[in-house]
Amino acid sequence: MRCTEKACAKVNLTLCVGNKRQDGYHEVTSVMQRISLWDTVTVQRGTGRDRLLCDAPVTEDENDNLCMRAAKVFFAETGLKSDGVTVTLEKRIPMQAGLGGGSSDAAAVLRALRTLYDSGISDGALERMGAELGSDVPFFIRGGTQLATGRGEVVSPLPPLAEGETVTPTGFAPLQHFTQPPARYTDATLIRTMEENGIGRPSTYAPTVSTILDREYVIKEGKYLRLTPLGGVVNELMCQRFPDIVDVKFTARMEQKLDEVESGDVQWKDLIRQFYVPFHENLEKVEKDMEGVYLKVPDEVTEEKCDICGRNMVIKSGRFGRFLACPGYPECKFTKAITEKMPGRCPKCGGRILKKTSRNGYTYYGCDKFPTCDFMTWDVPVKDDCPVCGKTMFKKAGKGFNKPFCANPECPNFLPEDKRGYRRRKTEDAAAAAEGAENAAPAAEEKPAKKTAAKKSATAKKTTAAKKTTAAKKTTAAKKPAAKKTTTKKTTKKAEE
């Protein structure tokens, strides 16, 4: 048995591409119209095995072709047993022309199989099968004029259009959409990308991220990593001079070769020689070519104005990190720290709160009127105000959710520092423990105190007696030799007499 179907092409009369969805597709709204250009699809059952015959060259594998995939989906969804299906295609629709030829062929196979196996399934069921194969397949199940939404798989009928028919617009909705660039890397997405491309190993992921941050090739803006002008210059130089080293596949290939060294298939000296000899030659060539060449790192211009001359300030790097400097140096030497405006108001003077970085790299928050106002805190200001006193509330710095609290000592809702969940220092813990021990220990009773005093006196007496005995022994031992000498002298005199 065989069944032949027409697989008509289509055109998009309108197409509006919306935002990107979580599944990677874009939201689309399109009016699709079937046209009189078609392929001929013939499906024959009972051939013993599944195969595809086409009068045009097929680029993909037979099992990956949409027609054969449509047959597999049909039998999987209906539960019917295949006795061998042969699909014959007579191609007339140009391939890769945006006319939906492949999707139309798949829809024709689904319709033909429904007829051959007399399954009696509805168009809606065929559309759900088609949605698994491609976004345009559900449209070709119905044909005609359809409004496609979602990613294109949700279709609803529109009044059919006849050739030469005049269409009167009833409304106009201007829409503008700008293509958004890919999101910047975060620490997590960068590590995942390195893992997917075989770059490094788990033990090297964190040091790699730390290195590019420490050398200021990238900086953190929130949780995202942004390339700096210095990083751009270094990356461009490396791509020009060492293209094989900065190749994404270089590390993956090197890891594979190191595994071969571990297994004993390759000698490590041979591997090092293969890498180092050409690398050393290239390095010497680059050093010779770059002799006397100075690379200019472009300044990162900001919207901050210099307080002295009014120029737009630029970002510079120094011993203590990045800062704002006037581009008119040395005529104008004005500099200022890079700050970030935070929500809320200063609890002392009502000024703006700025996020600052200390020389040791720690983040703190202070008033923008410094040094007139000396407000400073390690806690993070939030946009909510205290419901009692109306002043800005703060929360403990750190990851995760931290409940805001009021930092105004005069407010009944004030939360003392010892109850904010700070990590206490060891010295403070030791002092608190000592103070607690002193407060907890009751006054000693008189009798035990007297016994203790008696014991101490006895011990002192014993020590004194022992000292005296030792001193006496030493004195005696010291005097004995003198006595012997005296006796010897007397004996000598008697012998002489």
Protein backbone atom coordinates (compact mmCIF):
# COMPACT_ATOMS: atom_id res chain seq x y z
CA MET A 1 0.00 0.00 0.00
CA ARG A 2 1.15 3.49 -0.76
CA CYS A 3 -0.08 7.06 -0.28
CA THR A 4 1.05 10.23 -2.06
CA GLU A 5 0.84 13.70 -0.49
CA LYS A 6 1.65 17.20 -1.67
CA ALA A 7 4.12 19.04 0.57
CA CYS A 8 3.53 22.72 -0.17
CA ALA A 9 5.96 25.51 0.68
CA LYS A 10 5.05 28.59 2.69
CA VAL A 11 5.97 32.23 3.07
CA ASN A 12 5.83 34.48 6.12
CA LEU A 13 3.60 37.45 5.36
CA THR A 14 4.60 39.08 8.66
CA LEU A 15 7.22 38.17 11.23
CA CYS A 16 7.84 39.73 14.63
CA VAL A 17 10.66 38.26 16.73
CA GLY A 18 10.35 38.85 20.46
CA ASN A 19 12.49 38.17 23.49
CA LYS A 20 14.51 35.04 23.99
CA ARG A 21 12.84 32.33 26.03
CA GLN A 22 14.35 30.11 28.70
CA ASP A 23 14.43 27.16 26.28
CA GLY A 24 16.68 29.11 23.91
CA TYR A 25 13.99 29.95 21.33
CA HIS A 26 12.54 33.40 20.63
CA GLU A 27 8.92 34.39 20.92
CA VAL A 28 7.56 34.93 17.41
CA THR A 29 4.33 36.22 15.92
CA SER A 30 3.92 35.47 12.23
CA VAL A 31 1.27 35.15 9.55
CA MET A 32 2.11 32.11 7.40
CA GLN A 33 0.64 31.46 3.97
CA ARG A 34 0.82 28.23 1.94
CA ILE A 35 1.90 28.74 -1.70
CA SER A 36 1.60 26.69 -4.88
CA LEU A 37 5.11 25.22 -4.86
CA TRP A 38 5.37 21.71 -3.55
CA ASP A 39 7.36 18.50 -3.15
CA THR A 40 5.74 15.14 -3.83
CA VAL A 41 5.97 12.67 -0.95
CA THR A 42 5.07 9.01 -1.47
CA VAL A 43 4.94 6.67 1.53
CA GLN A 44 4.75 2.89 1.01
CA ARG A 45 4.20 0.42 3.85
CA GLY A 46 5.08 -3.26 4.12
CA THR A 47 8.56 -2.96 2.59
CA GLY A 48 10.24 -4.81 5.46
CA ARG A 49 12.55 -1.99 6.56
CA ASP A 50 12.52 1.81 6.82
CA ARG A 51 14.38 3.68 4.09
CA LEU A 52 14.45 7.01 2.28
CA LEU A 53 14.62 7.56 -1.49
CA CYS A 54 15.17 11.06 -2.87
CA ASP A 55 15.85 12.43 -6.35
CA ALA A 56 18.07 15.17 -4.85
CA PRO A 57 21.28 14.72 -2.85
CA VAL A 58 20.58 14.45 0.89
CA THR A 59 23.25 16.07 3.06
CA GLU A 60 22.38 14.47 6.41
CA ASP A 61 22.27 10.85 7.45
CA GLU A 62 19.11 8.97 6.50
CA ASN A 63 18.11 8.46 10.14
CA ASP A 64 18.49 12.19 10.83
CA ASN A 65 16.20 13.24 7.97
CA LEU A 66 12.97 14.86 9.15
CA CYS A 67 10.84 12.43 7.12
CA MET A 68 12.32 9.35 8.80
CA ARG A 69 12.18 11.04 12.20
CA ALA A 70 8.50 11.82 11.56
CA ALA A 71 7.84 8.12 10.94
CA LYS A 72 9.56 7.16 14.21
CA VAL A 73 7.58 9.76 16.18
CA PHE A 74 4.31 8.55 14.58
CA PHE A 75 4.82 4.92 15.59
CA ALA A 76 6.10 5.89 19.05
CA GLU A 77 3.08 8.11 19.80
CA THR A 78 0.39 5.83 18.34
CA GLY A 79 1.84 2.56 19.61
CA LEU A 80 1.41 0.98 16.16
CA LYS A 81 3.98 -1.52 14.91
CA SER A 82 5.85 -0.64 11.73
CA ASP A 83 6.10 -3.25 9.00
CA GLY A 84 8.68 -1.26 7.05
CA VAL A 85 8.13 2.18 5.52
CA THR A 86 9.73 3.55 2.36
CA VAL A 87 9.54 7.32 1.83
CA THR A 88 10.14 8.63 -1.70
CA LEU A 89 10.78 12.37 -2.13
CA GLU A 90 10.51 14.32 -5.36
CA LYS A 91 12.08 17.66 -4.42
CA ARG A 92 10.89 20.87 -6.05
CA ILE A 93 11.20 23.30 -3.13
CA PRO A 94 14.73 24.77 -2.94
CA MET A 95 16.58 23.54 0.11
CA GLN A 96 17.65 26.05 2.81
CA ALA A 97 15.59 28.79 1.14
CA GLY A 98 13.39 29.59 4.15
CA LEU A 99 10.30 28.09 2.45
CA GLY A 100 9.89 25.25 4.95
CA GLY A 101 10.49 22.38 2.53
CA GLY A 102 11.84 19.94 5.14
CA SER A 103 9.07 20.68 7.65
CA SER A 104 6.42 20.35 4.92
CA ASP A 105 7.84 16.93 3.89
CA ALA A 106 7.68 15.74 7.51
CA ALA A 107 4.05 16.89 7.82
CA ALA A 108 3.20 15.06 4.57
CA VAL A 109 4.72 11.83 5.98
CA LEU A 110 2.58 12.16 9.13
CA ARG A 111 -0.59 12.65 7.08
CA ALA A 112 0.26 9.73 4.78
CA LEU A 113 0.96 7.36 7.70
CA ARG A 114 -2.38 8.32 9.28
CA THR A 115 -4.09 7.31 6.03
CA LEU A 116 -2.10 4.09 5.48
CA TYR A 117 -2.54 2.75 9.00
CA ASP A 118 -6.10 4.06 9.36
CA SER A 119 -5.28 5.32 12.86
CA GLY A 120 -8.04 7.95 12.88
CA ILE A 121 -6.01 10.38 14.95
CA SER A 122 -6.96 14.06 14.77
CA ASP A 123 -5.12 16.99 13.27
CA GLY A 124 -4.42 18.23 16.80
CA ALA A 125 -2.59 15.00 17.64
CA LEU A 126 -0.57 15.28 14.43
CA GLU A 127 0.29 18.90 15.34
CA ARG A 128 1.62 17.79 18.72
CA MET A 129 3.78 15.19 16.98
CA GLY A 130 4.94 17.83 14.52
CA ALA A 131 5.90 20.22 17.33
CA GLU A 132 8.46 17.63 18.49
CA LEU A 133 10.06 17.69 15.02
CA GLY A 134 10.16 21.45 14.31
CA SER A 135 8.39 24.75 14.89
CA ASP A 136 6.93 24.96 11.35
CA VAL A 137 5.61 21.38 11.11
CA PRO A 138 2.25 22.09 12.89
CA PHE A 139 1.47 24.79 10.30
CA PHE A 140 1.95 22.34 7.42
CA ILE A 141 -0.46 19.87 9.04
CA ARG A 142 -3.24 22.41 8.49
CA GLY A 143 -1.99 24.62 5.65
CA GLY A 144 -3.90 27.65 4.37
CA THR A 145 -3.41 30.92 6.23
CA GLN A 146 -2.43 30.63 9.88
CA LEU A 147 -1.31 32.89 12.73
CA ALA A 148 1.74 31.31 14.39
CA THR A 149 2.77 32.27 17.93
CA GLY A 150 5.01 30.85 20.65
CA ARG A 151 8.15 29.64 18.91
CA GLY A 152 5.96 29.09 15.82
CA GLU A 153 4.35 25.80 16.85
CA VAL A 154 1.07 27.32 18.11
CA VAL A 155 -1.13 27.99 15.05
CA SER A 156 -4.63 29.38 14.75
CA PRO A 157 -6.58 29.76 11.45
CA LEU A 158 -7.12 33.07 9.70
CA PRO A 159 -9.61 33.78 6.89
CA PRO A 160 -8.14 32.34 3.67
CA LEU A 161 -6.67 34.77 1.15
CA ALA A 162 -7.54 34.53 -2.52
CA GLU A 163 -5.22 35.63 -5.32
CA GLY A 164 -5.74 39.34 -6.09
CA GLU A 165 -7.79 39.92 -2.95
CA THR A 166 -7.47 43.37 -1.36
CA VAL A 167 -6.77 43.42 2.36
CA THR A 168 -7.67 46.51 4.40
CA PRO A 169 -5.60 47.04 7.59
CA THR A 170 -7.70 47.74 10.68
CA GLY A 171 -4.88 48.70 13.03
CA PHE A 172 -1.17 49.29 13.36
CA ALA A 173 0.98 48.43 16.37
CA PRO A 174 4.55 49.78 16.07
CA LEU A 175 7.03 47.43 17.71
CA GLN A 176 10.75 47.80 17.92
CA HIS A 177 13.13 45.08 19.04
CA PHE A 178 16.88 45.30 19.43
CA THR A 179 18.94 42.15 19.35
CA GLN A 180 20.49 41.70 22.75
CA PRO A 181 24.14 40.64 23.03
CA PRO A 182 24.94 37.44 24.92
CA ALA A 183 25.06 37.82 28.69
CA ARG A 184 28.45 38.43 30.21
CA TYR A 185 30.22 35.60 31.96
CA THR A 186 29.93 35.07 35.68
CA ASP A 187 32.32 32.96 37.72
CA ALA A 188 29.98 29.98 37.39
CA THR A 189 29.26 30.32 33.65
CA LEU A 190 32.95 30.87 32.86
CA ILE A 191 33.93 27.73 34.75
CA ARG A 192 31.14 25.77 33.05
CA THR A 193 32.32 26.99 29.62
CA MET A 194 35.90 25.99 30.44
CA GLU A 195 34.67 22.58 31.51
CA GLU A 196 32.62 22.12 28.33
CA ASN A 197 35.62 23.02 26.14
CA GLY A 198 38.07 20.86 28.08
CA ILE A 199 40.10 23.86 29.28
CA GLY A 200 41.99 22.98 32.44
CA ARG A 201 40.87 20.74 35.25
CA PRO A 202 38.78 21.31 38.39
CA SER A 203 41.90 22.18 40.39
CA THR A 204 42.80 24.98 37.93
CA TYR A 205 39.38 26.62 37.47
CA ALA A 206 39.48 28.87 40.55
CA PRO A 207 43.14 29.97 40.07
CA THR A 208 42.38 30.89 36.45
CA VAL A 209 39.50 33.17 37.46
CA SER A 210 41.57 34.67 40.28
CA THR A 211 44.48 35.39 37.92
CA ILE A 212 42.48 37.36 35.37
CA LEU A 213 40.87 39.33 38.21
CA ASP A 214 44.16 40.05 40.01
CA ARG A 215 45.81 41.23 36.79
CA GLU A 216 42.76 43.39 36.02
CA TYR A 217 42.13 41.76 32.66
CA VAL A 218 38.51 41.67 33.80
CA ILE A 219 36.63 43.34 36.62
CA LYS A 220 33.46 42.38 38.43
CA GLU A 221 30.29 44.39 37.94
CA GLY A 222 27.90 42.79 40.36
CA LYS A 223 28.20 39.10 39.59
CA TYR A 224 29.29 39.61 35.97
CA LEU A 225 32.84 39.81 34.58
CA ARG A 226 33.59 42.73 32.26
CA LEU A 227 36.65 42.95 30.03
CA THR A 228 38.91 45.93 30.79
CA PRO A 229 40.84 47.94 28.17
CA LEU A 230 44.02 46.30 29.47
CA GLY A 231 42.50 42.86 28.99
CA GLY A 232 41.44 43.79 25.46
CA VAL A 233 44.95 44.93 24.52
CA VAL A 234 46.56 41.80 25.99
CA ASN A 235 44.02 39.52 24.31
CA GLU A 236 44.52 41.18 20.91
CA LEU A 237 48.30 40.89 21.22
CA MET A 238 48.14 37.22 22.21
CA CYS A 239 45.76 36.39 19.36
CA GLN A 240 48.08 38.06 16.86
CA ARG A 241 51.40 36.70 18.13
CA PHE A 242 50.48 33.36 19.73
CA PRO A 243 47.35 32.12 17.93
CA ASP A 244 48.10 28.47 18.68
CA ILE A 245 48.50 29.12 22.42
CA VAL A 246 45.26 31.07 22.90
CA ASP A 247 43.30 28.61 20.78
CA VAL A 248 40.37 27.22 22.76
CA LYS A 249 41.35 23.66 21.84
CA PHE A 250 45.00 24.07 22.86
CA THR A 251 44.52 23.20 26.52
CA ALA A 252 42.19 20.33 25.70
CA ARG A 253 44.76 18.84 23.33
CA MET A 254 47.52 19.32 25.89
CA GLU A 255 45.45 17.62 28.59
CA GLN A 256 44.91 14.68 26.26
CA LYS A 257 48.65 14.42 25.55
CA LEU A 258 49.42 14.56 29.28
CA ASP A 259 47.02 11.67 29.79
CA GLU A 260 48.98 9.76 27.16
CA VAL A 261 52.17 10.49 29.11
CA GLU A 262 50.53 9.17 32.27
CA SER A 263 49.48 5.98 30.50
CA GLY A 264 53.02 5.48 29.14
CA ASP A 265 52.14 5.86 25.46
CA VAL A 266 54.24 9.05 25.07
CA GLN A 267 57.55 10.04 26.67
CA TRP A 268 57.27 13.30 28.58
CA LYS A 269 60.58 14.63 27.20
CA ASP A 270 59.34 14.13 23.64
CA LEU A 271 56.11 15.96 24.47
CA ILE A 272 57.95 18.91 26.03
CA ARG A 273 60.32 19.05 23.07
CA GLN A 274 57.44 19.11 20.58
CA PHE A 275 55.89 22.05 22.38
CA TYR A 276 58.88 24.07 23.55
CA VAL A 277 61.08 24.17 20.43
CA PRO A 278 58.55 25.94 18.15
CA PHE A 279 57.27 28.02 21.07
CA HIS A 280 60.78 29.26 21.91
CA GLU A 281 61.45 30.17 18.29
CA ASN A 282 58.18 32.09 18.07
CA LEU A 283 58.89 33.83 21.38
CA GLU A 284 62.30 35.04 20.22
CA LYS A 285 60.78 36.29 16.97
CA VAL A 286 58.07 38.20 18.85
CA GLU A 287 60.61 39.74 21.23
CA LYS A 288 62.63 40.94 18.24
CA ASP A 289 59.56 42.34 16.46
CA MET A 290 58.23 44.06 19.60
CA GLU A 291 61.52 45.70 20.52
CA GLY A 292 60.87 49.41 21.00
CA VAL A 293 57.12 48.99 20.52
CA TYR A 294 54.89 50.43 23.26
CA LEU A 295 51.26 49.41 23.51
CA LYS A 296 48.82 52.12 24.49
CA VAL A 297 46.03 50.99 26.78
CA PRO A 298 43.04 53.24 26.04
CA ASP A 299 41.61 55.16 28.94
CA GLU A 300 38.19 54.17 30.19
CA VAL A 301 36.24 57.43 30.11
CA THR A 302 33.48 57.94 32.68
CA GLU A 303 30.68 60.47 33.10
CA GLU A 304 32.25 61.87 36.28
CA LYS A 305 33.43 65.45 35.91
CA CYS A 306 36.71 66.75 37.30
CA ASP A 307 36.05 69.11 40.23
CA ILE A 308 38.82 71.45 39.09
CA CYS A 309 38.80 71.64 35.28
CA GLY A 310 35.49 69.96 34.36
CA ARG A 311 36.93 67.25 32.08
CA ASN A 312 35.42 63.78 31.98
CA MET A 313 37.50 61.69 34.36
CA VAL A 314 39.13 58.40 33.34
CA ILE A 315 39.78 55.20 35.27
CA LYS A 316 43.38 54.49 36.22
CA SER A 317 45.03 51.67 38.17
CA GLY A 318 47.43 52.14 41.06
CA ARG A 319 48.92 50.32 44.03
CA PHE A 320 45.62 50.31 45.86
CA GLY A 321 43.41 49.44 42.89
CA ARG A 322 41.40 51.47 40.40
CA PHE A 323 40.63 55.16 40.86
CA LEU A 324 39.37 58.18 38.93
CA ALA A 325 41.91 60.64 37.55
CA CYS A 326 41.74 63.77 35.44
CA PRO A 327 42.96 63.22 31.86
CA GLY A 328 44.58 66.68 31.97
CA TYR A 329 47.57 65.42 33.98
CA PRO A 330 50.11 66.97 34.69
CA GLU A 331 48.28 70.30 34.33
CA CYS A 332 45.46 68.97 36.53
CA LYS A 333 46.31 66.39 39.17
CA PHE A 334 42.85 65.91 40.65
CA THR A 335 41.93 62.32 41.60
CA LYS A 336 39.12 60.71 43.52
CA ALA A 337 38.07 57.21 44.59
CA ILE A 338 35.63 55.14 42.57
CA THR A 339 32.38 55.08 44.49
CA GLU A 340 28.96 53.59 43.95
CA LYS A 341 25.79 55.28 45.12
CA MET A 342 23.71 53.14 47.45
CA PRO A 343 20.04 53.36 48.40
CA GLY A 344 19.05 55.13 51.56
CA ARG A 345 20.28 58.22 53.41
CA CYS A 346 23.02 58.89 55.91
CA PRO A 347 21.56 58.43 59.43
CA LYS A 348 23.66 61.35 60.74
CA CYS A 349 23.22 64.13 58.18
CA GLY A 350 20.79 62.76 55.61
CA GLY A 351 23.33 62.78 52.75
CA ARG A 352 23.89 60.08 50.12
CA ILE A 353 25.57 56.83 51.12
CA LEU A 354 28.47 55.69 48.94
CA LYS A 355 30.04 52.28 48.57
CA LYS A 356 33.80 52.53 49.01
CA THR A 357 36.82 50.24 49.13
CA SER A 358 39.57 50.51 51.71
CA ARG A 359 43.28 50.21 50.94
CA ASN A 360 43.15 46.62 52.13
CA GLY A 361 40.41 45.82 49.65
CA TYR A 362 37.51 45.69 52.11
CA THR A 363 34.14 47.19 51.21
CA TYR A 364 32.54 49.75 53.51
CA TYR A 365 29.86 52.43 53.28
CA GLY A 366 30.22 56.12 54.12
CA CYS A 367 28.58 59.48 53.70
CA ASP A 368 29.25 61.51 50.55
CA LYS A 369 29.85 64.59 52.73
CA PHE A 370 33.04 63.21 54.26
CA PRO A 371 35.03 64.67 56.05
CA THR A 372 32.24 66.97 57.24
CA CYS A 373 30.23 63.87 58.17
CA ASP A 374 32.23 60.93 59.53
CA PHE A 375 29.51 58.27 59.18
CA MET A 376 30.95 54.87 58.24
CA THR A 377 29.65 51.32 58.51
CA TRP A 378 30.39 47.79 57.28
CA ASP A 379 26.65 47.05 57.01
CA VAL A 380 24.85 47.31 53.68
CA PRO A 381 22.17 50.03 53.40
CA VAL A 382 18.82 48.94 51.96
CA LYS A 383 16.06 50.90 50.26
CA ASP A 384 13.55 50.27 53.07
CA ASP A 385 13.10 52.79 55.90
CA CYS A 386 12.47 51.93 59.51
CA PRO A 387 8.69 51.92 60.17
CA VAL A 388 9.26 53.54 63.59
CA CYS A 389 11.81 56.33 63.10
CA GLY A 390 11.79 56.59 59.30
CA LYS A 391 15.57 56.34 58.89
CA THR A 392 17.43 54.03 56.51
CA MET A 393 17.73 50.41 57.55
CA PHE A 394 20.81 48.24 57.08
CA LYS A 395 21.59 44.55 56.77
CA LYS A 396 24.65 42.47 57.57
CA ALA A 397 27.04 42.10 54.64
CA GLY A 398 27.41 38.65 53.10
CA LYS A 399 25.70 36.19 50.82
CA GLY A 400 22.16 34.97 51.28
CA PHE A 401 19.20 36.70 52.88
CA ASN A 402 19.94 38.89 55.91
CA LYS A 403 17.08 40.56 57.70
CA PRO A 404 17.29 44.41 57.69
CA PHE A 405 17.60 46.18 61.02
CA CYS A 406 17.48 49.75 62.32
CA ALA A 407 20.86 51.29 63.22
CA ASN A 408 19.46 54.39 64.95
CA PRO A 409 20.33 54.16 68.69
CA GLU A 410 17.46 56.51 69.61
CA CYS A 411 14.86 54.32 67.89
CA PRO A 412 12.89 51.72 69.91
CA ASN A 413 13.44 49.35 66.99
CA PHE A 414 17.26 49.68 67.31
CA LEU A 415 19.20 46.41 67.11
CA PRO A 416 22.47 46.37 69.11
CA GLU A 417 25.66 45.26 67.40
CA ASP A 418 26.06 42.11 69.52
CA LYS A 419 22.70 40.85 68.19
CA ARG A 420 23.34 41.45 64.47
CA GLY A 421 25.08 38.14 63.89
CA TYR A 422 28.64 39.44 63.47
CA ARG A 423 31.50 36.97 63.73
CA ARG A 424 33.31 37.75 66.96
CA ARG A 425 37.08 38.01 67.10
CA LYS A 426 39.17 35.60 69.16
CA THR A 427 40.35 38.36 71.50
CA GLU A 428 36.78 39.45 72.14
CA ASP A 429 35.74 35.84 72.76
CA ALA A 430 38.62 35.34 75.22
CA ALA A 431 37.79 38.58 77.05
CA ALA A 432 34.11 37.64 77.24
CA ALA A 433 34.98 34.17 78.52
CA ALA A 434 37.28 35.61 81.19
CA GLU A 435 34.67 38.15 82.25
CA GLY A 436 32.04 35.44 82.39
CA ALA A 437 34.26 33.23 84.49
CA GLU A 438 34.85 36.05 86.94
CA ASN A 439 31.17 36.83 87.22
CA ALA A 440 30.16 33.18 87.42
CA ALA A 441 32.68 32.18 90.13
CA PRO A 442 31.10 32.85 93.63
CA ALA A 443 33.09 34.24 96.48
CA ALA A 444 35.15 31.50 98.15
CA GLU A 445 34.20 30.45 101.71
CA GLU A 446 36.47 31.41 104.59
CA LYS A 447 37.42 27.88 105.67
CA PRO A 448 38.63 26.70 102.27
CA ALA A 449 40.37 30.05 101.94
CA LYS A 450 42.21 29.53 105.24
CA LYS A 451 43.20 26.02 104.19
CA THR A 452 44.53 27.38 100.96
CA ALA A 453 46.46 30.07 102.82
CA ALA A 454 47.82 27.44 105.22
CA LYS A 455 48.89 25.25 102.35
CA LYS A 456 50.59 28.19 100.70
CA SER A 457 52.40 29.06 104.00
CA ALA A 458 53.51 25.47 104.48
CA THR A 459 54.74 25.31 100.95
CA ALA A 460 56.57 28.59 101.43
CA LYS A 461 58.18 27.33 104.67
CA LYS A 462 59.27 24.12 103.03
CA THR A 463 60.73 26.06 100.15
CA THR A 464 62.56 28.41 102.55
CA ALA A 465 63.88 25.53 104.63
CA ALA A 466 65.03 23.71 101.55
CA LYS A 467 66.77 26.83 100.33
CA LYS A 468 68.48 27.31 103.69
CA THR A 469 69.62 23.70 103.80
CA THR A 470 71.00 23.90 100.31
CA ALA A 471 72.75 27.15 101.13
CA ALA A 472 74.18 25.65 104.30
CA LYS A 473 75.45 22.61 102.43
CA LYS A 474 77.07 24.81 99.83
CA THR A 475 78.70 26.92 102.55
CA THR A 476 79.97 23.84 104.38
CA ALA A 477 81.23 22.33 101.19
CA ALA A 478 82.99 25.55 100.41
CA LYS A 479 84.55 25.83 103.91
CA LYS A 480 85.85 22.25 104.12
CA PRO A 481 88.69 22.72 101.62
CA ALA A 482 89.83 25.76 103.59
CA ALA A 483 89.90 23.72 106.80
CA LYS A 484 92.00 21.04 105.16
CA LYS A 485 94.45 23.65 103.99
CA THR A 486 94.78 25.03 107.51
CA THR A 487 95.42 21.56 108.95
CA THR A 488 98.06 20.91 106.34
CA LYS A 489 99.87 24.12 107.22
CA LYS A 490 99.89 23.30 110.93
CA THR A 491 101.25 19.78 110.26
CA THR A 492 104.00 21.19 108.11
CA LYS A 493 105.09 23.61 110.83
CA LYS A 494 105.20 20.83 113.44
CA ALA A 495 107.35 18.70 111.13
CA GLU A 496 109.79 21.55 110.67
CA GLU A 497 110.13 22.04 114.40
